[in-house]
Amino acid sequence: MIESIFVDPKKLSGIEDAGANHLIVVQDGLNQATWGKLRKLNIDLGISVNAFGSDGCPANPEAQEKLFSKIKSALEFEPKEVWIDHFRFDGHWEATSGDKIPGIHHNCEFCQNKNRILVLNETAHKVMDLVSGSTQVGYFAVPFKSWALPTELGQAHFMLGRIFDLSSPMLYQQMIKKPTSYISEYVQWLSDVTKRPVLPIIQVKSMPDDLEDTITEDILTSEFTEAIKNPSLGVCFFWWPHVLEKNKAEIIKKLFSS
């Protein structure tokens, strides 16, 4: 079972004692010296690459080339996986109400009259051709089933999820106002529609940052229990800076050793 933590390469204090057997390392700020230290932990390492930010339309050839360049740079570290974050059109999915997603990327000169699903699917195929089997490729999946998700954000999991090797749904259940049982329910659903392995990523503290933290040890334990239910690959915690901020390292370590 994968027991992973999403980490910032600039904030790794105590990570060697966390009990994880896998880390997903943010590419920004990562260098060979830090990677060398992480490799000495003798655990599996993936790298998270940021795809399209609020200023980058996925249909823009220049934005696509930037993504391909980031992936090439990540491959130089020879990670076990490359995980692609924000592989979608922009939109504040965390604040979705019903089918209404605030902050959706408006049609621009690059995506006007284009099918957003096809734009991302075609880009995903290019990514897989670029990687060419040298490592596995996963993407962070927006954790909803609504049709508004693929039409506006472009993430049609039943297609996109079958192009990439893996998916990691961002199951921050408190943030999206779902019960903890939604974690295992969604993993099962995503596994069924993608026919690919699923590694859920779950929250360590209440988000966004301006909220009082109400994620207790009991809630973390419940999240963990739901996340590792079959057919899940395991669990990933988002993220180590939050663990350090809220002094929850011992809780994470206890869960990993349970």
C-alpha atoms as a PDB file:
ATOM      1  CA  MET A   1       0.000   0.000   0.000  1.00  0.00           C
ATOM      2  CA  ILE A   2       1.241   3.477  -0.889  1.00  0.00           C
ATOM      3  CA  GLU A   3       1.563   5.748   2.155  1.00  0.00           C
ATOM      4  CA  SER A   4       2.493   9.081   0.653  1.00  0.00           C
ATOM      5  CA  ILE A   5       2.881  12.737   1.545  1.00  0.00           C
ATOM      6  CA  PHE A   6       2.780  15.682  -0.838  1.00  0.00           C
ATOM      7  CA  VAL A   7       5.834  17.781   0.030  1.00  0.00           C
ATOM      8  CA  ASP A   8       7.502  21.117  -0.615  1.00  0.00           C
ATOM      9  CA  PRO A   9      11.225  20.595  -1.361  1.00  0.00           C
ATOM     10  CA  LYS A  10      11.969  23.773   0.589  1.00  0.00           C
ATOM     11  CA  LYS A  11      10.145  22.607   3.740  1.00  0.00           C
ATOM     12  CA  LEU A  12      11.199  19.047   4.513  1.00  0.00           C
ATOM     13  CA  SER A  13      11.991  19.256   8.219  1.00  0.00           C
ATOM     14  CA  GLY A  14      11.330  15.889   9.864  1.00  0.00           C
ATOM     15  CA  ILE A  15      10.140  14.148   6.706  1.00  0.00           C
ATOM     16  CA  GLU A  16      12.630  11.318   7.248  1.00  0.00           C
ATOM     17  CA  ASP A  17      10.703  10.293  10.386  1.00  0.00           C
ATOM     18  CA  ALA A  18       7.189  10.602   8.941  1.00  0.00           C
ATOM     19  CA  GLY A  19       6.804   6.911   8.200  1.00  0.00           C
ATOM     20  CA  ALA A  20       5.897   7.437   4.546  1.00  0.00           C
ATOM     21  CA  ASN A  21       6.995   4.970   1.879  1.00  0.00           C
ATOM     22  CA  HIS A  22       6.338   7.429  -0.943  1.00  0.00           C
ATOM     23  CA  LEU A  23       6.580  11.184  -1.513  1.00  0.00           C
ATOM     24  CA  ILE A  24       5.181  13.460  -4.203  1.00  0.00           C
ATOM     25  CA  VAL A  25       7.614  16.367  -4.459  1.00  0.00           C
ATOM     26  CA  VAL A  26       6.640  19.745  -5.916  1.00  0.00           C
ATOM     27  CA  GLN A  27       8.871  20.570  -8.868  1.00  0.00           C
ATOM     28  CA  ASP A  28       9.177  24.267  -8.012  1.00  0.00           C
ATOM     29  CA  GLY A  29      12.322  24.663  -5.910  1.00  0.00           C
ATOM     30  CA  LEU A  30      13.519  21.107  -6.451  1.00  0.00           C
ATOM     31  CA  ASN A  31      17.214  20.638  -7.226  1.00  0.00           C
ATOM     32  CA  GLN A  32      19.587  17.719  -7.516  1.00  0.00           C
ATOM     33  CA  ALA A  33      20.992  18.229  -4.008  1.00  0.00           C
ATOM     34  CA  THR A  34      17.558  17.981  -2.392  1.00  0.00           C
ATOM     35  CA  TRP A  35      16.620  15.074  -4.637  1.00  0.00           C
ATOM     36  CA  GLY A  36      19.797  13.280  -3.619  1.00  0.00           C
ATOM     37  CA  LYS A  37      18.884  13.649   0.065  1.00  0.00           C
ATOM     38  CA  LEU A  38      15.384  12.325  -0.580  1.00  0.00           C
ATOM     39  CA  ARG A  39      16.730   9.338  -2.499  1.00  0.00           C
ATOM     40  CA  LYS A  40      18.735   8.361   0.577  1.00  0.00           C
ATOM     41  CA  LEU A  41      15.420   7.717   2.339  1.00  0.00           C
ATOM     42  CA  ASN A  42      15.048   4.654   0.075  1.00  0.00           C
ATOM     43  CA  ILE A  43      11.383   5.303  -0.628  1.00  0.00           C
ATOM     44  CA  ASP A  44       9.506   5.886  -3.889  1.00  0.00           C
ATOM     45  CA  LEU A  45       9.521   9.449  -5.199  1.00  0.00           C
ATOM     46  CA  GLY A  46       7.224  11.211  -7.626  1.00  0.00           C
ATOM     47  CA  ILE A  47       7.363  14.787  -8.900  1.00  0.00           C
ATOM     48  CA  SER A  48       4.383  17.135  -9.201  1.00  0.00           C
ATOM     49  CA  VAL A  49       4.435  19.382 -12.272  1.00  0.00           C
ATOM     50  CA  ASN A  50       2.124  22.396 -12.469  1.00  0.00           C
ATOM     51  CA  ALA A  51       0.387  22.490 -15.839  1.00  0.00           C
ATOM     52  CA  PHE A  52      -1.882  25.435 -16.585  1.00  0.00           C
ATOM     53  CA  GLY A  53      -2.247  28.273 -14.112  1.00  0.00           C
ATOM     54  CA  SER A  54      -4.822  31.043 -14.191  1.00  0.00           C
ATOM     55  CA  ASP A  55      -2.761  32.826 -16.847  1.00  0.00           C
ATOM     56  CA  GLY A  56      -2.280  29.819 -19.141  1.00  0.00           C
ATOM     57  CA  CYS A  57      -5.008  28.544 -21.431  1.00  0.00           C
ATOM     58  CA  PRO A  58      -4.528  24.808 -22.126  1.00  0.00           C
ATOM     59  CA  ALA A  59      -5.324  25.452 -25.776  1.00  0.00           C
ATOM     60  CA  ASN A  60      -2.450  27.932 -26.090  1.00  0.00           C
ATOM     61  CA  PRO A  61       0.466  26.195 -27.878  1.00  0.00           C
ATOM     62  CA  GLU A  62       2.926  28.260 -25.839  1.00  0.00           C
ATOM     63  CA  ALA A  63       1.365  27.081 -22.556  1.00  0.00           C
ATOM     64  CA  GLN A  64       1.519  23.501 -23.799  1.00  0.00           C
ATOM     65  CA  GLU A  65       5.201  23.833 -24.673  1.00  0.00           C
ATOM     66  CA  LYS A  66       5.894  25.174 -21.178  1.00  0.00           C
ATOM     67  CA  LEU A  67       4.232  22.091 -19.749  1.00  0.00           C
ATOM     68  CA  PHE A  68       6.252  19.761 -21.971  1.00  0.00           C
ATOM     69  CA  SER A  69       9.442  21.551 -20.911  1.00  0.00           C
ATOM     70  CA  LYS A  70       8.555  21.095 -17.224  1.00  0.00           C
ATOM     71  CA  ILE A  71       7.913  17.407 -17.773  1.00  0.00           C
ATOM     72  CA  LYS A  72      11.235  16.968 -19.560  1.00  0.00           C
ATOM     73  CA  SER A  73      12.988  18.654 -16.635  1.00  0.00           C
ATOM     74  CA  ALA A  74      11.156  16.408 -14.153  1.00  0.00           C
ATOM     75  CA  LEU A  75      12.187  13.290 -16.067  1.00  0.00           C
ATOM     76  CA  GLU A  76      15.853  14.204 -15.584  1.00  0.00           C
ATOM     77  CA  PHE A  77      15.406  13.261 -11.903  1.00  0.00           C
ATOM     78  CA  GLU A  78      14.164   9.787 -12.923  1.00  0.00           C
ATOM     79  CA  PRO A  79      11.113   9.806 -10.614  1.00  0.00           C
ATOM     80  CA  LYS A  80       8.813   6.837 -10.170  1.00  0.00           C
ATOM     81  CA  GLU A  81       5.927   8.994 -11.395  1.00  0.00           C
ATOM     82  CA  VAL A  82       5.256  12.427 -12.804  1.00  0.00           C
ATOM     83  CA  TRP A  83       2.028  13.886 -11.386  1.00  0.00           C
ATOM     84  CA  ILE A  84       0.409  16.708 -13.338  1.00  0.00           C
ATOM     85  CA  ASP A  85      -1.369  19.329 -11.261  1.00  0.00           C
ATOM     86  CA  HIS A  86      -3.916  21.821 -12.626  1.00  0.00           C
ATOM     87  CA  PHE A  87      -4.334  19.816 -15.830  1.00  0.00           C
ATOM     88  CA  ARG A  88      -7.549  21.608 -16.698  1.00  0.00           C
ATOM     89  CA  PHE A  89      -9.042  24.924 -17.655  1.00  0.00           C
ATOM     90  CA  ASP A  90      -9.011  27.344 -14.754  1.00  0.00           C
ATOM     91  CA  GLY A  91     -11.898  27.446 -12.295  1.00  0.00           C
ATOM     92  CA  HIS A  92     -12.345  27.569  -8.521  1.00  0.00           C
ATOM     93  CA  TRP A  93     -13.692  24.032  -8.191  1.00  0.00           C
ATOM     94  CA  GLU A  94     -13.232  24.051  -4.410  1.00  0.00           C
ATOM     95  CA  ALA A  95     -16.094  26.590  -4.189  1.00  0.00           C
ATOM     96  CA  THR A  96     -18.427  24.759  -6.580  1.00  0.00           C
ATOM     97  CA  SER A  97     -22.125  25.016  -5.729  1.00  0.00           C
ATOM     98  CA  GLY A  98     -24.268  22.492  -7.573  1.00  0.00           C
ATOM     99  CA  ASP A  99     -23.118  22.704 -11.173  1.00  0.00           C
ATOM    100  CA  LYS A 100     -21.845  26.271 -10.807  1.00  0.00           C
ATOM    101  CA  ILE A 101     -18.057  26.551 -10.812  1.00  0.00           C
ATOM    102  CA  PRO A 102     -16.842  30.106 -10.022  1.00  0.00           C
ATOM    103  CA  GLY A 103     -13.868  31.678 -11.778  1.00  0.00           C
ATOM    104  CA  ILE A 104     -14.129  29.608 -14.953  1.00  0.00           C
ATOM    105  CA  HIS A 105     -11.659  30.480 -17.695  1.00  0.00           C
ATOM    106  CA  HIS A 106     -13.540  32.513 -20.298  1.00  0.00           C
ATOM    107  CA  ASN A 107     -13.149  31.711 -23.964  1.00  0.00           C
ATOM    108  CA  CYS A 108     -10.034  33.384 -25.306  1.00  0.00           C
ATOM    109  CA  GLU A 109      -8.338  33.539 -28.685  1.00  0.00           C
ATOM    110  CA  PHE A 110      -6.925  30.056 -28.175  1.00  0.00           C
ATOM    111  CA  CYS A 111      -9.958  28.127 -26.909  1.00  0.00           C
ATOM    112  CA  GLN A 112     -12.780  29.970 -28.658  1.00  0.00           C
ATOM    113  CA  ASN A 113     -15.090  27.413 -30.337  1.00  0.00           C
ATOM    114  CA  LYS A 114     -12.946  24.508 -29.128  1.00  0.00           C
ATOM    115  CA  ASN A 115     -14.111  21.479 -27.179  1.00  0.00           C
ATOM    116  CA  ARG A 116     -12.283  21.687 -23.851  1.00  0.00           C
ATOM    117  CA  ILE A 117     -12.449  17.935 -23.321  1.00  0.00           C
ATOM    118  CA  LEU A 118     -10.728  17.274 -26.644  1.00  0.00           C
ATOM    119  CA  VAL A 119      -8.089  19.942 -25.965  1.00  0.00           C
ATOM    120  CA  LEU A 120      -7.019  18.228 -22.740  1.00  0.00           C
ATOM    121  CA  ASN A 121      -7.284  14.717 -24.153  1.00  0.00           C
ATOM    122  CA  GLU A 122      -5.078  15.619 -27.110  1.00  0.00           C
ATOM    123  CA  THR A 123      -2.563  17.274 -24.793  1.00  0.00           C
ATOM    124  CA  ALA A 124      -2.584  14.200 -22.546  1.00  0.00           C
ATOM    125  CA  HIS A 125      -1.726  11.986 -25.521  1.00  0.00           C
ATOM    126  CA  LYS A 126       1.182  14.312 -26.353  1.00  0.00           C
ATOM    127  CA  VAL A 127       2.396  14.037 -22.758  1.00  0.00           C
ATOM    128  CA  MET A 128       2.304  10.253 -22.903  1.00  0.00           C
ATOM    129  CA  ASP A 129       4.188  10.272 -26.213  1.00  0.00           C
ATOM    130  CA  LEU A 130       6.784  12.581 -24.656  1.00  0.00           C
ATOM    131  CA  VAL A 131       7.279  10.370 -21.611  1.00  0.00           C
ATOM    132  CA  SER A 132       7.203   7.253 -23.785  1.00  0.00           C
ATOM    133  CA  GLY A 133       7.069   4.731 -20.967  1.00  0.00           C
ATOM    134  CA  SER A 134      10.069   6.087 -19.062  1.00  0.00           C
ATOM    135  CA  THR A 135       7.902   6.636 -15.975  1.00  0.00           C
ATOM    136  CA  GLN A 136       4.268   6.526 -14.975  1.00  0.00           C
ATOM    137  CA  VAL A 137       2.134   9.644 -15.397  1.00  0.00           C
ATOM    138  CA  GLY A 138      -0.727  10.631 -13.119  1.00  0.00           C
ATOM    139  CA  TYR A 139      -2.988  13.661 -12.856  1.00  0.00           C
ATOM    140  CA  PHE A 140      -4.768  15.327  -9.968  1.00  0.00           C
ATOM    141  CA  ALA A 141      -8.487  14.891 -10.529  1.00  0.00           C
ATOM    142  CA  VAL A 142     -11.189  17.344  -9.509  1.00  0.00           C
ATOM    143  CA  PRO A 143     -13.404  15.172  -7.254  1.00  0.00           C
ATOM    144  CA  PHE A 144     -16.835  15.596  -8.826  1.00  0.00           C
ATOM    145  CA  LYS A 145     -19.052  13.614 -11.190  1.00  0.00           C
ATOM    146  CA  SER A 146     -21.114  16.481 -12.642  1.00  0.00           C
ATOM    147  CA  TRP A 147     -21.110  17.026 -16.408  1.00  0.00           C
ATOM    148  CA  ALA A 148     -20.202  20.679 -15.755  1.00  0.00           C
ATOM    149  CA  LEU A 149     -16.763  19.380 -14.798  1.00  0.00           C
ATOM    150  CA  PRO A 150     -15.688  18.171 -18.251  1.00  0.00           C
ATOM    151  CA  THR A 151     -17.551  20.790 -20.268  1.00  0.00           C
ATOM    152  CA  GLU A 152     -16.094  23.757 -18.369  1.00  0.00           C
ATOM    153  CA  LEU A 153     -12.885  22.473 -16.805  1.00  0.00           C
ATOM    154  CA  GLY A 154     -12.208  19.894 -19.522  1.00  0.00           C
ATOM    155  CA  GLN A 155     -11.537  16.991 -17.135  1.00  0.00           C
ATOM    156  CA  ALA A 156     -13.683  14.177 -18.511  1.00  0.00           C
ATOM    157  CA  HIS A 157     -12.353  11.467 -16.225  1.00  0.00           C
ATOM    158  CA  PHE A 158     -13.906   8.619 -18.195  1.00  0.00           C
ATOM    159  CA  MET A 159     -11.649   9.608 -21.112  1.00  0.00           C
ATOM    160  CA  LEU A 160      -8.726  11.536 -19.610  1.00  0.00           C
ATOM    161  CA  GLY A 161      -8.283   8.965 -16.866  1.00  0.00           C
ATOM    162  CA  ARG A 162      -7.765   6.228 -19.447  1.00  0.00           C
ATOM    163  CA  ILE A 163      -4.981   8.151 -21.186  1.00  0.00           C
ATOM    164  CA  PHE A 164      -2.829   8.650 -18.112  1.00  0.00           C
ATOM    165  CA  ASP A 165      -1.519   5.745 -16.023  1.00  0.00           C
ATOM    166  CA  LEU A 166      -2.874   6.954 -12.680  1.00  0.00           C
ATOM    167  CA  SER A 167      -5.197   9.484 -11.120  1.00  0.00           C
ATOM    168  CA  SER A 168      -5.232  11.212  -7.746  1.00  0.00           C
ATOM    169  CA  PRO A 169      -8.607  12.737  -6.830  1.00  0.00           C
ATOM    170  CA  MET A 170      -8.268  15.740  -4.512  1.00  0.00           C
ATOM    171  CA  LEU A 171     -10.682  14.455  -1.887  1.00  0.00           C
ATOM    172  CA  TYR A 172     -10.628  17.340   0.576  1.00  0.00           C
ATOM    173  CA  GLN A 173     -14.012  16.272   1.907  1.00  0.00           C
ATOM    174  CA  GLN A 174     -14.478  19.097   4.402  1.00  0.00           C
ATOM    175  CA  MET A 175     -13.655  21.755   1.817  1.00  0.00           C
ATOM    176  CA  ILE A 176     -16.155  20.387  -0.692  1.00  0.00           C
ATOM    177  CA  LYS A 177     -18.773  19.783   2.020  1.00  0.00           C
ATOM    178  CA  LYS A 178     -18.894  16.004   1.742  1.00  0.00           C
ATOM    179  CA  PRO A 179     -18.872  13.307   4.440  1.00  0.00           C
ATOM    180  CA  THR A 180     -15.666  11.320   4.908  1.00  0.00           C
ATOM    181  CA  SER A 181     -17.433   8.341   3.325  1.00  0.00           C
ATOM    182  CA  TYR A 182     -17.319  10.278   0.045  1.00  0.00           C
ATOM    183  CA  ILE A 183     -13.569   9.552  -0.106  1.00  0.00           C
ATOM    184  CA  SER A 184     -13.958   5.799  -0.602  1.00  0.00           C
ATOM    185  CA  GLU A 185     -17.151   6.251  -2.635  1.00  0.00           C
ATOM    186  CA  TYR A 186     -15.372   8.524  -5.097  1.00  0.00           C
ATOM    187  CA  VAL A 187     -12.281   6.328  -5.352  1.00  0.00           C
ATOM    188  CA  GLN A 188     -14.527   3.416  -6.305  1.00  0.00           C
ATOM    189  CA  TRP A 189     -16.373   5.556  -8.869  1.00  0.00           C
ATOM    190  CA  LEU A 190     -13.176   6.914 -10.407  1.00  0.00           C
ATOM    191  CA  SER A 191     -11.629   3.467 -10.571  1.00  0.00           C
ATOM    192  CA  ASP A 192     -14.731   2.181 -12.348  1.00  0.00           C
ATOM    193  CA  VAL A 193     -14.802   4.946 -14.963  1.00  0.00           C
ATOM    194  CA  THR A 194     -11.064   5.149 -15.648  1.00  0.00           C
ATOM    195  CA  LYS A 195     -10.097   1.468 -15.332  1.00  0.00           C
ATOM    196  CA  ARG A 196      -6.825   2.774 -13.902  1.00  0.00           C
ATOM    197  CA  PRO A 197      -5.243   2.798 -10.417  1.00  0.00           C
ATOM    198  CA  VAL A 198      -6.367   5.582  -8.071  1.00  0.00           C
ATOM    199  CA  LEU A 199      -4.371   7.229  -5.255  1.00  0.00           C
ATOM    200  CA  PRO A 200      -6.594   9.621  -3.267  1.00  0.00           C
ATOM    201  CA  ILE A 201      -5.059  12.752  -1.758  1.00  0.00           C
ATOM    202  CA  ILE A 202      -6.699  13.994   1.453  1.00  0.00           C
ATOM    203  CA  GLN A 203      -6.505  17.059   3.656  1.00  0.00           C
ATOM    204  CA  VAL A 204      -4.504  17.420   6.874  1.00  0.00           C
ATOM    205  CA  LYS A 205      -6.107  20.646   8.101  1.00  0.00           C
ATOM    206  CA  SER A 206      -9.128  22.822   7.379  1.00  0.00           C
ATOM    207  CA  MET A 207      -8.751  24.781   4.146  1.00  0.00           C
ATOM    208  CA  PRO A 208      -8.527  27.551   3.033  1.00  0.00           C
ATOM    209  CA  ASP A 209      -5.969  28.890   5.467  1.00  0.00           C
ATOM    210  CA  ASP A 210      -8.251  31.534   7.011  1.00  0.00           C
ATOM    211  CA  LEU A 211     -10.460  28.851   8.580  1.00  0.00           C
ATOM    212  CA  GLU A 212     -10.008  27.557  12.108  1.00  0.00           C
ATOM    213  CA  ASP A 213      -8.560  24.067  11.896  1.00  0.00           C
ATOM    214  CA  THR A 214     -11.197  21.514  12.871  1.00  0.00           C
ATOM    215  CA  ILE A 215      -9.514  18.426  11.371  1.00  0.00           C
ATOM    216  CA  THR A 216      -8.989  16.459  14.575  1.00  0.00           C
ATOM    217  CA  GLU A 217      -7.081  13.212  14.993  1.00  0.00           C
ATOM    218  CA  ASP A 218     -10.377  11.332  14.819  1.00  0.00           C
ATOM    219  CA  ILE A 219     -11.271  12.996  11.527  1.00  0.00           C
ATOM    220  CA  LEU A 220      -7.801  12.337  10.107  1.00  0.00           C
ATOM    221  CA  THR A 221      -8.123   8.711  11.115  1.00  0.00           C
ATOM    222  CA  SER A 222     -11.526   8.497   9.451  1.00  0.00           C
ATOM    223  CA  GLU A 223     -10.142  10.076   6.266  1.00  0.00           C
ATOM    224  CA  PHE A 224      -7.254   7.623   6.262  1.00  0.00           C
ATOM    225  CA  THR A 225      -9.552   4.645   6.812  1.00  0.00           C
ATOM    226  CA  GLU A 226     -11.809   5.685   3.926  1.00  0.00           C
ATOM    227  CA  ALA A 227      -8.895   6.501   1.624  1.00  0.00           C
ATOM    228  CA  ILE A 228      -7.229   3.101   1.834  1.00  0.00           C
ATOM    229  CA  LYS A 229     -10.323   1.020   1.147  1.00  0.00           C
ATOM    230  CA  ASN A 230     -10.202  -1.126  -1.987  1.00  0.00           C
ATOM    231  CA  PRO A 231      -9.659  -0.454  -4.827  1.00  0.00           C
ATOM    232  CA  SER A 232      -7.417   2.410  -3.663  1.00  0.00           C
ATOM    233  CA  LEU A 233      -3.636   2.243  -4.127  1.00  0.00           C
ATOM    234  CA  GLY A 234      -3.267   3.804  -0.683  1.00  0.00           C
ATOM    235  CA  VAL A 235      -3.292   7.396   0.480  1.00  0.00           C
ATOM    236  CA  CYS A 236      -1.454  10.706   0.076  1.00  0.00           C
ATOM    237  CA  PHE A 237      -1.677  13.516   2.628  1.00  0.00           C
ATOM    238  CA  PHE A 238      -1.848  17.148   1.496  1.00  0.00           C
ATOM    239  CA  TRP A 239       0.596  18.339   2.611  1.00  0.00           C
ATOM    240  CA  TRP A 240       3.771  18.357   4.741  1.00  0.00           C
ATOM    241  CA  PRO A 241       3.809  22.127   5.443  1.00  0.00           C
ATOM    242  CA  HIS A 242       0.300  21.707   6.887  1.00  0.00           C
ATOM    243  CA  VAL A 243       1.523  18.795   9.027  1.00  0.00           C
ATOM    244  CA  LEU A 244       4.323  20.955  10.403  1.00  0.00           C
ATOM    245  CA  GLU A 245       2.075  23.983  10.852  1.00  0.00           C
ATOM    246  CA  LYS A 246      -0.478  22.061  12.909  1.00  0.00           C
ATOM    247  CA  ASN A 247       1.973  19.727  14.696  1.00  0.00           C
ATOM    248  CA  LYS A 248       0.375  16.585  13.288  1.00  0.00           C
ATOM    249  CA  ALA A 249       3.508  14.628  12.391  1.00  0.00           C
ATOM    250  CA  GLU A 250       2.986  12.078  15.166  1.00  0.00           C
ATOM    251  CA  ILE A 251      -0.613  11.501  14.042  1.00  0.00           C
ATOM    252  CA  ILE A 252       0.502  10.852  10.447  1.00  0.00           C
ATOM    253  CA  LYS A 253       3.280   8.558  11.625  1.00  0.00           C
ATOM    254  CA  LYS A 254       0.860   6.603  13.815  1.00  0.00           C
ATOM    255  CA  LEU A 255      -1.569   6.167  10.924  1.00  0.00           C
ATOM    256  CA  PHE A 256       1.188   4.952   8.608  1.00  0.00           C
ATOM    257  CA  SER A 257       2.355   2.431  11.191  1.00  0.00           C
ATOM    258  CA  SER A 258      -1.137   1.166  12.028  1.00  0.00           C
END
